[in-house]
Amino acid sequence: MKVQPWFSIALILPVIVLVAASSKSGAAREGGQNPTPIVIHLTPPAEAATATPGSAYGPDRFEPNDDPAAATPIGFQVEAGLTLAGADVDAFTGFLKAGQILRVSATPYGQLDTRLRLTWAGQPVGENDDRAPDDLGSSLTFTAPADGHYVALVDKVTDADGSYDLETALLAPTATPTPLPTLTPSPTPTWTPSPTPTMTPTPAPLTQPDGSRSPAGPAPPRATVTPLATATVTATVAITATERLSLTARYLGPVEEESETPATTIRLLVYYDANNDRAPGPGEGIPNVSVLAVDALGQRLGQTFTNLQGEAAFSLYDQAARDVARIIVPFVPAWSARVRAGEVNDGLVLGLPAVRLPVFFPVVAPDRVETE
């Protein structure tokens, strides 16, 4: 019987498929391993900005904020662990009321030389490179003419990259005392006495030999006293500075009193106890963790983030320094620490044990899974 070509092809194709499947199954059995599993992250990795080539300092937590349109909103606090690399420029913005005095300071580390520029309503109002001949940091003071937003720009003036801390604070205005009036002494007045009038005495009666008295005769005319005109004396009394003065006080408006409570400083270390020794070790600090300072009612007074070593720093002034009560970490809601207002609060530590992996840590599955 003659076999058709199409029938032969139909018989050969299933055989090839079976042989290929058998070879693949045999290879899997000989290797004794499953295919490489998919790497699973508990949280999707954040989209990181590209670091400057050749620089040891990567982008900080606020990037991108290179121009006023993308400025980072901040309050009156310390933002630690910021970086400048290459042609990077950091922009920050905040709100001021009319008459408030703002101080912005940048404290660099290493060889970094910072420069501060301040704009108001889109117009430059101040610039500072070095706040002292031996200090590469920068500082500016500005008084708001009206309610509005300012923009602070931080960049570097040399090729050296580095990190810096940015501090924004309100200053209390200084009251100007009213000067006392100048007293001009007057000359001593001169007094000229009036002449004494001259009186002519009246003659006494004559005595006769028999003892009788005879009339004294016509009495001489009496002297007439013509009173002289009394001179008018004008005297000016000299007043010395030791005498009591009557002054008129003029109301100049309310003056903001200087704070009686000094600044409240807070420092916190957040670390993951990977070796479970209940003590922070090298490389265990957790960066970019949000830390809040709150009052007794839980209202936020300031916010910052931990740096690359897991450290966070606060400096609160004026009303915030008086009202601060606790410091909290939103990622660990069961933890908080009490804060002493008007003092330096060092030594605050939040350690996360190795048996409780935080949800914001990316966890990667093993590359290979052994089969039984």
Protein backbone atom coordinates (compact mmCIF):
# COMPACT_ATOMS: atom_id res chain seq x y z
CA MET A 1 0.00 0.00 0.00
CA LYS A 2 1.31 3.48 -0.85
CA VAL A 3 1.58 5.90 2.11
CA GLN A 4 0.63 9.56 1.45
CA PRO A 5 3.24 12.20 2.42
CA TRP A 6 0.86 14.18 4.58
CA PHE A 7 0.03 11.09 6.62
CA SER A 8 3.75 10.49 7.38
CA ILE A 9 4.21 14.03 8.63
CA ALA A 10 1.19 13.71 10.96
CA LEU A 11 2.73 10.59 12.53
CA ILE A 12 6.21 12.12 13.01
CA LEU A 13 5.17 15.42 14.76
CA PRO A 14 3.66 13.83 17.96
CA VAL A 15 6.79 11.75 18.36
CA ILE A 16 9.02 14.83 18.29
CA VAL A 17 6.85 16.62 20.90
CA LEU A 18 6.91 13.57 23.22
CA VAL A 19 10.69 13.23 22.91
CA ALA A 20 11.25 16.92 23.69
CA ALA A 21 8.96 16.79 26.76
CA SER A 22 10.67 13.63 27.98
CA SER A 23 14.11 15.21 27.60
CA LYS A 24 13.06 18.30 29.58
CA SER A 25 11.55 16.15 32.36
CA GLY A 26 14.67 14.02 32.51
CA ALA A 27 16.91 17.08 32.76
CA ALA A 28 14.84 18.33 35.67
CA ARG A 29 15.15 14.95 37.41
CA GLU A 30 18.88 14.74 36.83
CA GLY A 31 19.48 18.23 38.26
CA GLY A 32 17.24 17.57 41.23
CA GLN A 33 16.25 21.30 41.37
CA ASN A 34 13.26 23.46 40.54
CA PRO A 35 13.57 26.56 38.31
CA THR A 36 14.86 29.76 40.01
CA PRO A 37 11.94 31.24 42.04
CA ILE A 38 10.65 34.77 41.52
CA VAL A 39 12.08 37.38 43.93
CA ILE A 40 9.21 38.80 46.03
CA HIS A 41 9.32 42.20 47.79
CA LEU A 42 6.92 42.96 50.62
CA THR A 43 6.97 46.63 49.59
CA PRO A 44 7.74 47.94 46.11
CA PRO A 45 11.17 49.62 45.99
CA ALA A 46 11.03 53.41 45.85
CA GLU A 47 12.09 55.07 42.65
CA ALA A 48 15.52 56.43 43.53
CA ALA A 49 17.08 59.42 41.88
CA THR A 50 20.27 58.90 39.91
CA ALA A 51 23.40 59.65 41.92
CA THR A 52 26.10 61.90 40.53
CA PRO A 53 28.80 59.72 38.90
CA GLY A 54 31.96 59.55 40.99
CA SER A 55 30.29 61.06 44.11
CA ALA A 56 29.98 59.31 47.47
CA TYR A 57 26.85 61.34 48.31
CA GLY A 58 23.56 60.22 46.83
CA PRO A 59 20.30 62.16 46.61
CA ASP A 60 18.67 63.03 49.95
CA ARG A 61 15.07 62.21 51.00
CA PHE A 62 13.60 65.45 49.57
CA GLU A 63 14.77 65.05 45.97
CA PRO A 64 13.79 66.18 43.44
CA ASN A 65 13.56 69.78 44.73
CA ASP A 66 16.00 71.58 42.45
CA ASP A 67 13.89 74.68 41.66
CA PRO A 68 11.37 76.93 43.47
CA ALA A 69 8.43 75.25 41.70
CA ALA A 70 9.36 71.93 43.38
CA ALA A 71 10.42 73.42 46.75
CA THR A 72 9.95 71.20 49.83
CA PRO A 73 7.54 72.67 52.46
CA ILE A 74 9.19 72.90 55.90
CA GLY A 75 8.38 74.41 59.31
CA PHE A 76 10.66 75.83 62.00
CA GLN A 77 12.99 72.90 62.78
CA VAL A 78 16.27 71.17 61.89
CA GLU A 79 16.49 68.97 58.79
CA ALA A 80 19.61 66.81 59.19
CA GLY A 81 21.50 64.63 56.74
CA LEU A 82 20.83 66.59 53.52
CA THR A 83 23.27 66.27 50.61
CA LEU A 84 24.67 68.34 47.74
CA ALA A 85 26.42 66.53 44.88
CA GLY A 86 27.43 67.83 41.46
CA ALA A 87 25.18 70.67 40.29
CA ASP A 88 22.46 69.84 42.84
CA VAL A 89 20.34 72.68 44.28
CA ASP A 90 17.94 72.16 47.23
CA ALA A 91 14.83 74.38 47.43
CA PHE A 92 12.66 74.78 50.57
CA THR A 93 9.61 76.93 51.27
CA GLY A 94 7.63 78.07 54.31
CA PHE A 95 4.94 80.55 55.41
CA LEU A 96 5.57 83.76 57.39
CA LYS A 97 3.20 86.29 58.94
CA ALA A 98 3.78 90.02 58.59
CA GLY A 99 6.53 91.17 60.97
CA GLN A 100 7.93 87.71 61.75
CA ILE A 101 11.73 87.44 61.64
CA LEU A 102 13.12 84.30 59.98
CA ARG A 103 16.62 82.89 60.39
CA VAL A 104 17.81 80.20 57.94
CA SER A 105 21.17 78.47 58.56
CA ALA A 106 23.09 75.75 56.68
CA THR A 107 25.78 73.83 58.61
CA PRO A 108 28.04 71.80 56.23
CA TYR A 109 30.31 68.89 57.06
CA GLY A 110 33.70 67.99 55.59
CA GLN A 111 34.87 70.13 52.68
CA LEU A 112 31.36 71.22 51.59
CA ASP A 113 30.98 75.03 51.17
CA THR A 114 27.29 76.03 51.09
CA ARG A 115 25.57 79.15 49.80
CA LEU A 116 22.10 80.41 50.85
CA ARG A 117 19.74 82.49 48.72
CA LEU A 118 16.31 83.76 49.83
CA THR A 119 13.43 84.94 47.62
CA TRP A 120 10.13 86.60 48.53
CA ALA A 121 7.25 86.95 46.05
CA GLY A 122 9.63 85.74 43.33
CA GLN A 123 12.24 88.45 44.05
CA PRO A 124 15.68 87.86 45.66
CA VAL A 125 15.91 89.42 49.13
CA GLY A 126 19.16 88.00 50.52
CA GLU A 127 22.26 85.89 49.85
CA ASN A 128 25.07 84.57 52.07
CA ASP A 129 28.09 82.39 51.29
CA ASP A 130 30.19 82.21 54.49
CA ARG A 131 28.74 83.42 57.79
CA ALA A 132 32.28 83.94 59.16
CA PRO A 133 35.82 84.05 57.70
CA ASP A 134 36.56 80.64 59.26
CA ASP A 135 33.06 79.11 58.76
CA LEU A 136 31.95 77.58 55.43
CA GLY A 137 28.32 77.52 56.61
CA SER A 138 25.70 80.08 55.58
CA SER A 139 23.06 82.09 57.47
CA LEU A 140 20.35 84.64 56.53
CA THR A 141 17.88 86.74 58.55
CA PHE A 142 14.72 88.13 56.93
CA THR A 143 11.69 90.12 58.24
CA ALA A 144 8.42 89.39 56.41
CA PRO A 145 6.80 92.61 55.08
CA ALA A 146 3.40 90.85 54.78
CA ASP A 147 1.82 87.41 55.01
CA GLY A 148 3.32 85.10 52.39
CA HIS A 149 5.72 82.32 51.46
CA TYR A 150 9.50 82.46 51.22
CA VAL A 151 11.80 80.17 49.20
CA ALA A 152 15.30 79.24 50.45
CA LEU A 153 17.80 77.85 47.91
CA VAL A 154 20.91 75.92 49.05
CA ASP A 155 23.77 75.09 46.67
CA LYS A 156 27.54 74.73 46.82
CA VAL A 157 30.22 77.14 45.59
CA THR A 158 33.09 74.64 45.20
CA ASP A 159 33.48 71.24 43.52
CA ALA A 160 33.49 69.33 46.84
CA ASP A 161 30.32 67.28 47.52
CA GLY A 162 29.06 66.69 51.05
CA SER A 163 26.21 66.70 53.57
CA TYR A 164 24.72 69.50 55.66
CA ASP A 165 22.00 70.34 58.21
CA LEU A 166 19.37 73.01 57.52
CA GLU A 167 17.84 74.96 60.43
CA THR A 168 14.87 77.37 60.19
CA ALA A 169 13.80 79.37 63.26
CA LEU A 170 11.78 82.45 64.25
CA LEU A 171 13.55 85.28 66.08
CA ALA A 172 11.86 87.64 68.57
CA PRO A 173 12.11 91.37 67.70
CA THR A 174 14.24 93.57 69.99
CA ALA A 175 12.42 96.50 71.65
CA THR A 176 14.10 99.91 71.15
CA PRO A 177 14.00 102.14 74.32
CA THR A 178 12.81 105.77 73.97
CA PRO A 179 15.69 108.19 74.80
CA LEU A 180 15.23 110.67 77.68
CA PRO A 181 14.93 114.39 76.83
CA THR A 182 18.11 116.49 76.99
CA LEU A 183 18.00 119.08 79.81
CA THR A 184 19.64 122.49 79.21
CA PRO A 185 20.52 124.44 82.42
CA SER A 186 19.47 128.17 82.60
CA PRO A 187 21.64 130.97 84.07
CA THR A 188 21.18 131.95 87.75
CA PRO A 189 18.79 134.96 88.13
CA THR A 190 20.18 138.35 89.44
CA TRP A 191 18.32 140.22 92.28
CA THR A 192 18.77 144.03 92.78
CA PRO A 193 17.43 145.33 96.19
CA SER A 194 15.35 148.62 96.32
CA PRO A 195 16.83 151.64 98.22
CA THR A 196 15.59 152.21 101.80
CA PRO A 197 13.48 155.45 102.11
CA THR A 198 14.84 158.27 104.44
CA MET A 199 12.51 159.50 107.31
CA THR A 200 12.75 163.03 108.92
CA PRO A 201 11.97 162.89 112.73
CA THR A 202 9.31 165.24 114.29
CA PRO A 203 10.77 167.82 116.87
CA ALA A 204 9.81 167.30 120.54
CA PRO A 205 7.93 170.12 122.53
CA LEU A 206 10.05 172.67 124.56
CA THR A 207 10.14 172.48 128.44
CA GLN A 208 9.73 175.87 130.39
CA PRO A 209 11.59 176.74 133.70
CA ASP A 210 8.38 176.30 135.71
CA GLY A 211 8.06 172.87 134.29
CA SER A 212 5.32 173.60 131.83
CA ARG A 213 5.56 172.63 128.23
CA SER A 214 5.16 175.05 125.44
CA PRO A 215 3.93 174.13 122.08
CA ALA A 216 6.56 172.82 119.88
CA GLY A 217 5.56 175.16 117.16
CA PRO A 218 4.49 174.22 113.79
CA ALA A 219 5.30 170.75 113.00
CA PRO A 220 7.67 170.30 110.17
CA PRO A 221 6.28 168.66 107.16
CA ARG A 222 6.26 164.92 107.32
CA ALA A 223 8.51 163.12 105.10
CA THR A 224 6.74 161.56 102.22
CA VAL A 225 7.84 158.12 101.29
CA THR A 226 7.45 157.47 97.65
CA PRO A 227 7.41 153.72 97.06
CA LEU A 228 9.68 152.62 94.32
CA ALA A 229 8.38 150.44 91.57
CA THR A 230 9.01 146.81 92.36
CA ALA A 231 11.27 145.20 89.82
CA THR A 232 9.88 142.15 88.04
CA VAL A 233 12.19 139.21 88.45
CA THR A 234 12.05 136.33 85.98
CA ALA A 235 13.88 133.23 87.10
CA THR A 236 14.37 129.90 85.33
CA VAL A 237 14.96 126.96 87.63
CA ALA A 238 17.57 124.48 86.40
CA ILE A 239 16.47 120.82 86.50
CA THR A 240 19.02 118.10 87.03
CA ALA A 241 18.73 114.45 85.92
CA THR A 242 18.25 113.31 89.52
CA GLU A 243 14.86 115.02 89.88
CA ARG A 244 11.57 113.25 89.13
CA LEU A 245 10.24 113.90 85.62
CA SER A 246 6.77 113.60 84.17
CA LEU A 247 6.85 111.72 80.86
CA THR A 248 4.13 110.99 78.34
CA ALA A 249 4.04 107.35 77.15
CA ARG A 250 2.94 106.68 73.58
CA TYR A 251 1.58 103.21 72.60
CA LEU A 252 3.70 101.69 69.86
CA GLY A 253 1.77 98.42 69.46
CA PRO A 254 2.30 94.95 70.91
CA VAL A 255 5.86 93.74 71.27
CA GLU A 256 6.54 90.05 71.14
CA GLU A 257 8.12 89.03 74.42
CA GLU A 258 11.24 86.97 74.37
CA SER A 259 10.68 83.34 75.18
CA GLU A 260 11.43 82.43 78.78
CA THR A 261 11.73 78.76 77.77
CA PRO A 262 15.03 77.90 76.05
CA ALA A 263 15.13 75.74 72.94
CA THR A 264 14.15 72.07 73.28
CA THR A 265 16.64 69.72 71.60
CA ILE A 266 15.74 66.10 70.78
CA ARG A 267 18.01 63.37 69.38
CA LEU A 268 16.76 59.87 68.53
CA LEU A 269 18.45 56.73 67.13
CA VAL A 270 16.33 54.17 65.25
CA TYR A 271 18.06 50.83 64.49
CA TYR A 272 17.22 47.24 63.48
CA ASP A 273 18.83 44.73 65.86
CA ALA A 274 19.94 42.29 63.15
CA ASN A 275 22.32 40.32 65.44
CA ASN A 276 19.77 40.36 68.31
CA ASP A 277 22.32 41.68 70.86
CA ARG A 278 19.92 44.40 72.11
CA ALA A 279 22.40 47.18 71.30
CA PRO A 280 22.92 49.33 68.19
CA GLY A 281 25.82 48.24 66.03
CA PRO A 282 27.54 49.37 62.82
CA GLY A 283 25.24 49.31 59.84
CA GLU A 284 22.07 48.76 61.91
CA GLY A 285 20.75 52.34 61.67
CA ILE A 286 17.53 52.72 59.64
CA PRO A 287 17.49 55.74 57.27
CA ASN A 288 14.49 57.80 56.06
CA VAL A 289 12.21 56.96 59.02
CA SER A 290 9.65 59.68 59.83
CA VAL A 291 9.89 61.06 63.39
CA LEU A 292 7.31 63.48 64.89
CA ALA A 293 7.39 65.80 67.92
CA VAL A 294 3.87 66.23 69.39
CA ASP A 295 2.20 68.05 72.29
CA ALA A 296 0.13 66.53 75.09
CA LEU A 297 -2.92 66.28 72.77
CA GLY A 298 -0.98 64.53 70.00
CA GLN A 299 -0.83 67.59 67.72
CA ARG A 300 2.28 67.65 65.52
CA LEU A 301 4.81 70.40 66.35
CA GLY A 302 7.66 69.26 64.06
CA GLN A 303 8.78 66.47 61.74
CA THR A 304 12.12 65.15 60.54
CA PHE A 305 13.60 61.96 59.05
CA THR A 306 16.50 59.78 60.15
CA ASN A 307 19.79 60.14 58.27
CA LEU A 308 21.91 57.32 56.80
CA GLN A 309 23.02 56.33 60.32
CA GLY A 310 19.43 56.18 61.65
CA GLU A 311 19.76 59.42 63.66
CA ALA A 312 17.07 62.15 63.86
CA ALA A 313 17.52 65.61 65.44
CA PHE A 314 14.99 68.31 66.49
CA SER A 315 15.44 71.88 67.73
CA LEU A 316 12.15 73.51 68.80
CA TYR A 317 11.79 77.18 69.78
CA ASP A 318 9.24 79.56 71.35
CA GLN A 319 5.74 78.08 71.79
CA ALA A 320 6.67 74.73 70.29
CA ALA A 321 9.54 74.38 72.78
CA ARG A 322 7.07 74.92 75.65
CA ASP A 323 4.31 72.62 74.33
CA VAL A 324 6.33 69.59 73.19
CA ALA A 325 5.52 66.51 75.28
CA ARG A 326 6.47 63.35 73.38
CA ILE A 327 8.27 62.04 70.31
CA ILE A 328 6.69 59.31 68.17
CA VAL A 329 7.52 57.17 65.12
CA PRO A 330 4.41 56.53 62.97
CA PHE A 331 5.79 53.21 61.65
CA VAL A 332 5.91 51.87 65.23
CA PRO A 333 2.59 53.11 66.73
CA ALA A 334 3.11 51.30 70.03
CA TRP A 335 6.28 53.30 70.83
CA SER A 336 6.72 56.86 72.13
CA ALA A 337 9.16 58.68 74.38
CA ARG A 338 8.56 61.51 76.86
CA VAL A 339 10.36 64.81 76.18
CA ARG A 340 11.46 67.43 78.76
CA ALA A 341 10.60 70.90 77.46
CA GLY A 342 13.43 73.44 77.45
CA GLU A 343 16.16 70.81 77.87
CA VAL A 344 18.49 68.68 75.75
CA ASN A 345 16.91 65.23 75.31
CA ASP A 346 19.75 62.91 74.27
CA GLY A 347 19.95 59.15 74.47
CA LEU A 348 16.51 58.36 72.99
CA VAL A 349 16.76 54.97 71.22
CA LEU A 350 14.21 52.88 69.33
CA GLY A 351 15.47 49.36 68.62
CA LEU A 352 13.49 46.96 66.47
CA PRO A 353 14.18 43.30 67.40
CA ALA A 354 15.19 40.85 64.70
CA VAL A 355 12.14 38.66 65.33
CA ARG A 356 9.77 41.50 64.34
CA LEU A 357 10.67 42.50 60.80
CA PRO A 358 9.23 45.97 60.04
CA VAL A 359 6.88 46.16 57.09
CA PHE A 360 8.88 48.93 55.45
CA PHE A 361 11.97 46.67 55.10
CA PRO A 362 12.19 45.01 51.63
CA VAL A 363 12.53 41.26 52.11
CA VAL A 364 14.02 39.21 49.24
CA ALA A 365 13.29 35.49 48.84
CA PRO A 366 16.29 33.09 48.34
CA ASP A 367 17.60 32.74 44.79
CA ARG A 368 17.40 28.92 44.85
CA VAL A 369 15.00 26.58 46.65
CA GLU A 370 16.17 23.05 47.42
CA THR A 371 13.78 20.22 46.64
CA GLU A 372 13.40 17.06 48.65
